Amino acid sequence: MDDQQLLPSRAEMRREHLLEVARALFITHGFHQTGMAQISAASGIKMGQIYRDFASKEEIIASICERDVADWLEEEVLAAAVKVGDIPAVRDWLDRFLRSDEPVEQCRLMSEIVAESGRSIRIAELNRTVDLRVRDSLAAALAAIAPESEVGGEREALVDFILALGLGIMMRRTFDPNLKVDPLFGYVSAIVDQRIEALSA
């Protein structure tokens, strides 16, 4: 494969630029206070071109979320570790997942997306799709670390517990950007370790 094939096309660069600009506007002003005209003005991309690339503002939100989730979840890293039985690498993935130390701006954006689920069918569908991806990854990690966790629905309960705590910490950080995440990570990690040990005993 030559260098030309590795370089993004002008259309891809334009779309990436628009997504970055829209992301910043959504974080600063929220979804409802950010219109397509504002995105057009800030990005320097004409409205007609935006609508050729994205059918609606919801599609822009969906594209941002898809990209962010893919970068954050690192599904291919987890899948490779699970495939070869590299339990320390799986545990590293799980620890990174539990840490909840994304930038505060990302927490604000995720809070906007969660809130928008009640108003937009498209965003609600997006959230369900993301939730399934996250749940599948967490379940795969727990299955590799503690195969016994499937007994009695324990694995599903532990996945729900991790997700509930993670969402709670993310919301707390939107209210308190100075929230100290490390002590919380210590608590969550210790509880998850206790449950894994209990299931493996």
C-alpha atoms as a PDB file:
ATOM      1  CA  MET A   1       0.000   0.000   0.000  1.00  0.00           C
ATOM      2  CA  ASP A   2       1.506   3.349  -1.012  1.00  0.00           C
ATOM      3  CA  ASP A   3       1.476   6.607   0.974  1.00  0.00           C
ATOM      4  CA  GLN A   4      -1.309   8.077  -1.198  1.00  0.00           C
ATOM      5  CA  GLN A   5      -3.732   5.374  -0.036  1.00  0.00           C
ATOM      6  CA  LEU A   6      -2.923   6.071   3.636  1.00  0.00           C
ATOM      7  CA  LEU A   7      -3.703   9.792   3.410  1.00  0.00           C
ATOM      8  CA  PRO A   8      -7.285  10.851   4.150  1.00  0.00           C
ATOM      9  CA  SER A   9      -9.245  12.309   1.238  1.00  0.00           C
ATOM     10  CA  ARG A  10     -10.357  15.946   1.185  1.00  0.00           C
ATOM     11  CA  ALA A  11     -13.911  14.788   1.929  1.00  0.00           C
ATOM     12  CA  GLU A  12     -12.718  12.808   4.967  1.00  0.00           C
ATOM     13  CA  MET A  13     -10.683  15.778   6.228  1.00  0.00           C
ATOM     14  CA  ARG A  14     -13.672  18.081   5.747  1.00  0.00           C
ATOM     15  CA  ARG A  15     -15.930  15.718   7.686  1.00  0.00           C
ATOM     16  CA  GLU A  16     -13.372  15.358  10.494  1.00  0.00           C
ATOM     17  CA  HIS A  17     -12.986  19.136  10.707  1.00  0.00           C
ATOM     18  CA  LEU A  18     -16.743  19.591  10.894  1.00  0.00           C
ATOM     19  CA  LEU A  19     -17.079  16.925  13.603  1.00  0.00           C
ATOM     20  CA  GLU A  20     -14.348  18.562  15.702  1.00  0.00           C
ATOM     21  CA  VAL A  21     -15.970  22.004  15.386  1.00  0.00           C
ATOM     22  CA  ALA A  22     -19.450  20.628  16.142  1.00  0.00           C
ATOM     23  CA  ARG A  23     -18.093  18.677  19.113  1.00  0.00           C
ATOM     24  CA  ALA A  24     -16.572  21.836  20.623  1.00  0.00           C
ATOM     25  CA  LEU A  25     -19.809  23.770  20.083  1.00  0.00           C
ATOM     26  CA  PHE A  26     -21.943  21.019  21.622  1.00  0.00           C
ATOM     27  CA  ILE A  27     -19.694  20.916  24.700  1.00  0.00           C
ATOM     28  CA  THR A  28     -19.763  24.705  25.113  1.00  0.00           C
ATOM     29  CA  HIS A  29     -23.391  25.448  24.250  1.00  0.00           C
ATOM     30  CA  GLY A  30     -25.252  22.127  24.371  1.00  0.00           C
ATOM     31  CA  PHE A  31     -27.148  20.467  21.538  1.00  0.00           C
ATOM     32  CA  HIS A  32     -30.237  22.669  21.624  1.00  0.00           C
ATOM     33  CA  GLN A  33     -28.308  25.933  21.668  1.00  0.00           C
ATOM     34  CA  THR A  34     -26.154  24.860  18.717  1.00  0.00           C
ATOM     35  CA  GLY A  35     -27.759  25.134  15.290  1.00  0.00           C
ATOM     36  CA  MET A  36     -26.559  23.994  11.900  1.00  0.00           C
ATOM     37  CA  ALA A  37     -25.970  27.613  10.866  1.00  0.00           C
ATOM     38  CA  GLN A  38     -23.652  28.046  13.852  1.00  0.00           C
ATOM     39  CA  ILE A  39     -21.761  24.864  12.930  1.00  0.00           C
ATOM     40  CA  SER A  40     -21.485  26.119   9.346  1.00  0.00           C
ATOM     41  CA  ALA A  41     -20.163  29.532  10.416  1.00  0.00           C
ATOM     42  CA  ALA A  42     -17.642  28.116  12.894  1.00  0.00           C
ATOM     43  CA  SER A  43     -16.372  25.404  10.526  1.00  0.00           C
ATOM     44  CA  GLY A  44     -16.328  27.502   7.361  1.00  0.00           C
ATOM     45  CA  ILE A  45     -18.282  24.753   5.570  1.00  0.00           C
ATOM     46  CA  LYS A  46     -21.382  25.776   3.622  1.00  0.00           C
ATOM     47  CA  MET A  47     -24.762  24.520   4.837  1.00  0.00           C
ATOM     48  CA  GLY A  48     -25.455  22.660   1.596  1.00  0.00           C
ATOM     49  CA  GLN A  49     -22.212  20.714   1.939  1.00  0.00           C
ATOM     50  CA  ILE A  50     -22.947  19.901   5.577  1.00  0.00           C
ATOM     51  CA  TYR A  51     -26.327  18.447   4.600  1.00  0.00           C
ATOM     52  CA  ARG A  52     -24.665  16.403   1.844  1.00  0.00           C
ATOM     53  CA  ASP A  53     -22.313  14.920   4.452  1.00  0.00           C
ATOM     54  CA  PHE A  54     -24.834  14.617   7.319  1.00  0.00           C
ATOM     55  CA  ALA A  55     -28.609  14.367   6.979  1.00  0.00           C
ATOM     56  CA  SER A  56     -29.263  16.150  10.305  1.00  0.00           C
ATOM     57  CA  LYS A  57     -27.737  17.444  13.510  1.00  0.00           C
ATOM     58  CA  GLU A  58     -28.550  14.060  15.086  1.00  0.00           C
ATOM     59  CA  GLU A  59     -26.378  12.387  12.431  1.00  0.00           C
ATOM     60  CA  ILE A  60     -23.493  14.687  13.378  1.00  0.00           C
ATOM     61  CA  ILE A  61     -23.987  13.733  17.042  1.00  0.00           C
ATOM     62  CA  ALA A  62     -24.116  10.044  16.088  1.00  0.00           C
ATOM     63  CA  SER A  63     -20.871  10.306  14.091  1.00  0.00           C
ATOM     64  CA  ILE A  64     -19.091  12.062  16.968  1.00  0.00           C
ATOM     65  CA  CYS A  65     -20.304   9.442  19.420  1.00  0.00           C
ATOM     66  CA  GLU A  66     -19.340   6.542  17.151  1.00  0.00           C
ATOM     67  CA  ARG A  67     -15.818   7.887  16.751  1.00  0.00           C
ATOM     68  CA  ASP A  68     -15.395   8.659  20.465  1.00  0.00           C
ATOM     69  CA  VAL A  69     -16.660   5.244  21.546  1.00  0.00           C
ATOM     70  CA  ALA A  70     -14.375   3.423  19.098  1.00  0.00           C
ATOM     71  CA  ASP A  71     -11.353   5.370  20.376  1.00  0.00           C
ATOM     72  CA  TRP A  72     -12.273   4.956  24.047  1.00  0.00           C
ATOM     73  CA  LEU A  73     -13.463   1.353  24.077  1.00  0.00           C
ATOM     74  CA  GLU A  74     -10.467  -0.132  22.200  1.00  0.00           C
ATOM     75  CA  GLU A  75     -12.470  -3.232  21.286  1.00  0.00           C
ATOM     76  CA  GLU A  76      -9.691  -4.592  19.084  1.00  0.00           C
ATOM     77  CA  VAL A  77      -7.168  -4.415  21.966  1.00  0.00           C
ATOM     78  CA  LEU A  78      -9.503  -6.359  24.247  1.00  0.00           C
ATOM     79  CA  ALA A  79     -10.408  -8.895  21.522  1.00  0.00           C
ATOM     80  CA  ALA A  80      -6.723  -9.601  20.807  1.00  0.00           C
ATOM     81  CA  ALA A  81      -5.959 -10.109  24.511  1.00  0.00           C
ATOM     82  CA  VAL A  82      -8.969 -12.389  25.017  1.00  0.00           C
ATOM     83  CA  LYS A  83      -8.114 -14.420  21.903  1.00  0.00           C
ATOM     84  CA  VAL A  84      -4.626 -15.335  23.154  1.00  0.00           C
ATOM     85  CA  GLY A  85      -5.670 -15.632  26.817  1.00  0.00           C
ATOM     86  CA  ASP A  86      -3.501 -12.693  27.932  1.00  0.00           C
ATOM     87  CA  ILE A  87      -5.244 -12.128  31.275  1.00  0.00           C
ATOM     88  CA  PRO A  88      -2.894  -9.328  32.469  1.00  0.00           C
ATOM     89  CA  ALA A  89      -3.676  -7.389  29.256  1.00  0.00           C
ATOM     90  CA  VAL A  90      -7.411  -7.997  29.764  1.00  0.00           C
ATOM     91  CA  ARG A  91      -7.078  -6.759  33.341  1.00  0.00           C
ATOM     92  CA  ASP A  92      -5.206  -3.663  32.114  1.00  0.00           C
ATOM     93  CA  TRP A  93      -8.081  -2.981  29.722  1.00  0.00           C
ATOM     94  CA  LEU A  94     -10.589  -3.392  32.555  1.00  0.00           C
ATOM     95  CA  ASP A  95      -8.599  -1.107  34.873  1.00  0.00           C
ATOM     96  CA  ARG A  96      -8.491   1.570  32.186  1.00  0.00           C
ATOM     97  CA  PHE A  97     -12.230   1.174  31.721  1.00  0.00           C
ATOM     98  CA  LEU A  98     -12.896   1.479  35.464  1.00  0.00           C
ATOM     99  CA  ARG A  99     -10.694   4.552  35.900  1.00  0.00           C
ATOM    100  CA  SER A 100     -13.268   7.062  34.520  1.00  0.00           C
ATOM    101  CA  ASP A 101     -10.624   9.739  33.966  1.00  0.00           C
ATOM    102  CA  GLU A 102     -11.757  11.074  30.589  1.00  0.00           C
ATOM    103  CA  PRO A 103     -11.425  14.835  30.137  1.00  0.00           C
ATOM    104  CA  VAL A 104     -14.246  16.796  31.788  1.00  0.00           C
ATOM    105  CA  GLU A 105     -15.301  18.023  28.334  1.00  0.00           C
ATOM    106  CA  GLN A 106     -15.976  14.414  27.322  1.00  0.00           C
ATOM    107  CA  CYS A 107     -18.092  13.950  30.456  1.00  0.00           C
ATOM    108  CA  ARG A 108     -20.116  17.042  29.535  1.00  0.00           C
ATOM    109  CA  LEU A 109     -20.663  15.758  26.009  1.00  0.00           C
ATOM    110  CA  MET A 110     -21.747  12.328  27.264  1.00  0.00           C
ATOM    111  CA  SER A 111     -24.147  13.993  29.721  1.00  0.00           C
ATOM    112  CA  GLU A 112     -25.665  15.899  26.794  1.00  0.00           C
ATOM    113  CA  ILE A 113     -26.051  12.667  24.820  1.00  0.00           C
ATOM    114  CA  VAL A 114     -27.690  10.875  27.759  1.00  0.00           C
ATOM    115  CA  ALA A 115     -30.105  13.784  28.309  1.00  0.00           C
ATOM    116  CA  GLU A 116     -30.921  13.964  24.595  1.00  0.00           C
ATOM    117  CA  SER A 117     -32.043  10.312  24.627  1.00  0.00           C
ATOM    118  CA  GLY A 118     -35.331  11.363  26.193  1.00  0.00           C
ATOM    119  CA  ARG A 119     -36.015  13.839  23.387  1.00  0.00           C
ATOM    120  CA  SER A 120     -34.656  12.179  20.255  1.00  0.00           C
ATOM    121  CA  ILE A 121     -35.494   8.685  18.990  1.00  0.00           C
ATOM    122  CA  ARG A 122     -32.295   8.686  16.892  1.00  0.00           C
ATOM    123  CA  ILE A 123     -30.102   9.511  19.911  1.00  0.00           C
ATOM    124  CA  ALA A 124     -31.968   6.975  22.069  1.00  0.00           C
ATOM    125  CA  GLU A 125     -31.203   4.302  19.443  1.00  0.00           C
ATOM    126  CA  LEU A 126     -27.582   5.437  19.363  1.00  0.00           C
ATOM    127  CA  ASN A 127     -27.334   5.124  23.150  1.00  0.00           C
ATOM    128  CA  ARG A 128     -28.794   1.616  23.063  1.00  0.00           C
ATOM    129  CA  THR A 129     -26.268   0.591  20.393  1.00  0.00           C
ATOM    130  CA  VAL A 130     -23.362   2.058  22.385  1.00  0.00           C
ATOM    131  CA  ASP A 131     -24.634   0.420  25.572  1.00  0.00           C
ATOM    132  CA  LEU A 132     -24.688  -2.997  23.872  1.00  0.00           C
ATOM    133  CA  ARG A 133     -21.128  -2.545  22.589  1.00  0.00           C
ATOM    134  CA  VAL A 134     -19.866  -1.514  26.020  1.00  0.00           C
ATOM    135  CA  ARG A 135     -21.736  -4.339  27.751  1.00  0.00           C
ATOM    136  CA  ASP A 136     -20.368  -6.916  25.277  1.00  0.00           C
ATOM    137  CA  SER A 137     -16.802  -5.704  25.853  1.00  0.00           C
ATOM    138  CA  LEU A 138     -17.156  -5.733  29.639  1.00  0.00           C
ATOM    139  CA  ALA A 139     -18.762  -9.185  29.586  1.00  0.00           C
ATOM    140  CA  ALA A 140     -15.923 -10.509  27.387  1.00  0.00           C
ATOM    141  CA  ALA A 141     -13.319  -9.081  29.777  1.00  0.00           C
ATOM    142  CA  LEU A 142     -15.026 -10.582  32.830  1.00  0.00           C
ATOM    143  CA  ALA A 143     -15.502 -13.935  31.070  1.00  0.00           C
ATOM    144  CA  ALA A 144     -11.755 -14.064  30.358  1.00  0.00           C
ATOM    145  CA  ILE A 145     -10.753 -13.058  33.906  1.00  0.00           C
ATOM    146  CA  ALA A 146     -13.412 -15.053  35.764  1.00  0.00           C
ATOM    147  CA  PRO A 147     -15.107 -17.711  33.586  1.00  0.00           C
ATOM    148  CA  GLU A 148     -17.221 -18.729  36.605  1.00  0.00           C
ATOM    149  CA  SER A 149     -18.915 -15.316  36.628  1.00  0.00           C
ATOM    150  CA  GLU A 150     -21.665 -16.565  34.306  1.00  0.00           C
ATOM    151  CA  VAL A 151     -23.149 -18.747  37.057  1.00  0.00           C
ATOM    152  CA  GLY A 152     -26.367 -17.306  38.462  1.00  0.00           C
ATOM    153  CA  GLY A 153     -26.227 -14.192  36.316  1.00  0.00           C
ATOM    154  CA  GLU A 154     -23.316 -12.776  38.330  1.00  0.00           C
ATOM    155  CA  ARG A 155     -21.474 -11.524  35.256  1.00  0.00           C
ATOM    156  CA  GLU A 156     -24.463  -9.516  34.040  1.00  0.00           C
ATOM    157  CA  ALA A 157     -24.970  -8.064  37.517  1.00  0.00           C
ATOM    158  CA  LEU A 158     -21.313  -7.071  37.721  1.00  0.00           C
ATOM    159  CA  VAL A 159     -21.488  -5.443  34.271  1.00  0.00           C
ATOM    160  CA  ASP A 160     -24.543  -3.452  35.408  1.00  0.00           C
ATOM    161  CA  PHE A 161     -22.750  -2.447  38.608  1.00  0.00           C
ATOM    162  CA  ILE A 162     -19.674  -1.216  36.721  1.00  0.00           C
ATOM    163  CA  LEU A 163     -21.774   0.726  34.211  1.00  0.00           C
ATOM    164  CA  ALA A 164     -23.930   2.320  36.914  1.00  0.00           C
ATOM    165  CA  LEU A 165     -20.880   3.472  38.874  1.00  0.00           C
ATOM    166  CA  GLY A 166     -19.120   4.693  35.738  1.00  0.00           C
ATOM    167  CA  LEU A 167     -22.126   6.742  34.650  1.00  0.00           C
ATOM    168  CA  GLY A 168     -22.502   8.129  38.166  1.00  0.00           C
ATOM    169  CA  ILE A 169     -18.853   9.215  38.316  1.00  0.00           C
ATOM    170  CA  MET A 170     -19.131  10.799  34.873  1.00  0.00           C
ATOM    171  CA  MET A 171     -22.194  12.796  35.962  1.00  0.00           C
ATOM    172  CA  ARG A 172     -20.477  13.867  39.195  1.00  0.00           C
ATOM    173  CA  ARG A 173     -17.560  15.173  37.141  1.00  0.00           C
ATOM    174  CA  THR A 174     -19.882  17.358  35.060  1.00  0.00           C
ATOM    175  CA  PHE A 175     -21.013  18.997  38.327  1.00  0.00           C
ATOM    176  CA  ASP A 176     -17.568  19.035  39.919  1.00  0.00           C
ATOM    177  CA  PRO A 177     -14.716  19.253  37.376  1.00  0.00           C
ATOM    178  CA  ASN A 178     -12.204  19.067  40.260  1.00  0.00           C
ATOM    179  CA  LEU A 179     -13.544  15.746  41.535  1.00  0.00           C
ATOM    180  CA  LYS A 180     -10.635  13.506  42.557  1.00  0.00           C
ATOM    181  CA  VAL A 181     -11.027  10.401  40.400  1.00  0.00           C
ATOM    182  CA  ASP A 182      -8.175   8.279  41.794  1.00  0.00           C
ATOM    183  CA  PRO A 183      -9.778   7.507  45.190  1.00  0.00           C
ATOM    184  CA  LEU A 184     -13.017   6.569  43.430  1.00  0.00           C
ATOM    185  CA  PHE A 185     -11.097   4.308  41.060  1.00  0.00           C
ATOM    186  CA  GLY A 186      -9.514   2.656  44.095  1.00  0.00           C
ATOM    187  CA  TYR A 187     -12.937   1.899  45.605  1.00  0.00           C
ATOM    188  CA  VAL A 188     -14.479   0.647  42.373  1.00  0.00           C
ATOM    189  CA  SER A 189     -11.446  -1.467  41.488  1.00  0.00           C
ATOM    190  CA  ALA A 190     -11.354  -3.009  44.978  1.00  0.00           C
ATOM    191  CA  ILE A 191     -15.056  -3.926  44.846  1.00  0.00           C
ATOM    192  CA  VAL A 192     -14.720  -5.418  41.353  1.00  0.00           C
ATOM    193  CA  ASP A 193     -11.643  -7.389  42.490  1.00  0.00           C
ATOM    194  CA  GLN A 194     -13.570  -8.724  45.508  1.00  0.00           C
ATOM    195  CA  ARG A 195     -16.442  -9.856  43.307  1.00  0.00           C
ATOM    196  CA  ILE A 196     -14.072 -11.504  40.805  1.00  0.00           C
ATOM    197  CA  GLU A 197     -12.239 -13.298  43.607  1.00  0.00           C
ATOM    198  CA  ALA A 198     -15.513 -14.460  45.139  1.00  0.00           C
ATOM    199  CA  LEU A 199     -16.707 -15.775  41.796  1.00  0.00           C
ATOM    200  CA  SER A 200     -13.393 -17.534  41.114  1.00  0.00           C
ATOM    201  CA  ALA A 201     -13.172 -19.135  44.557  1.00  0.00           C
END
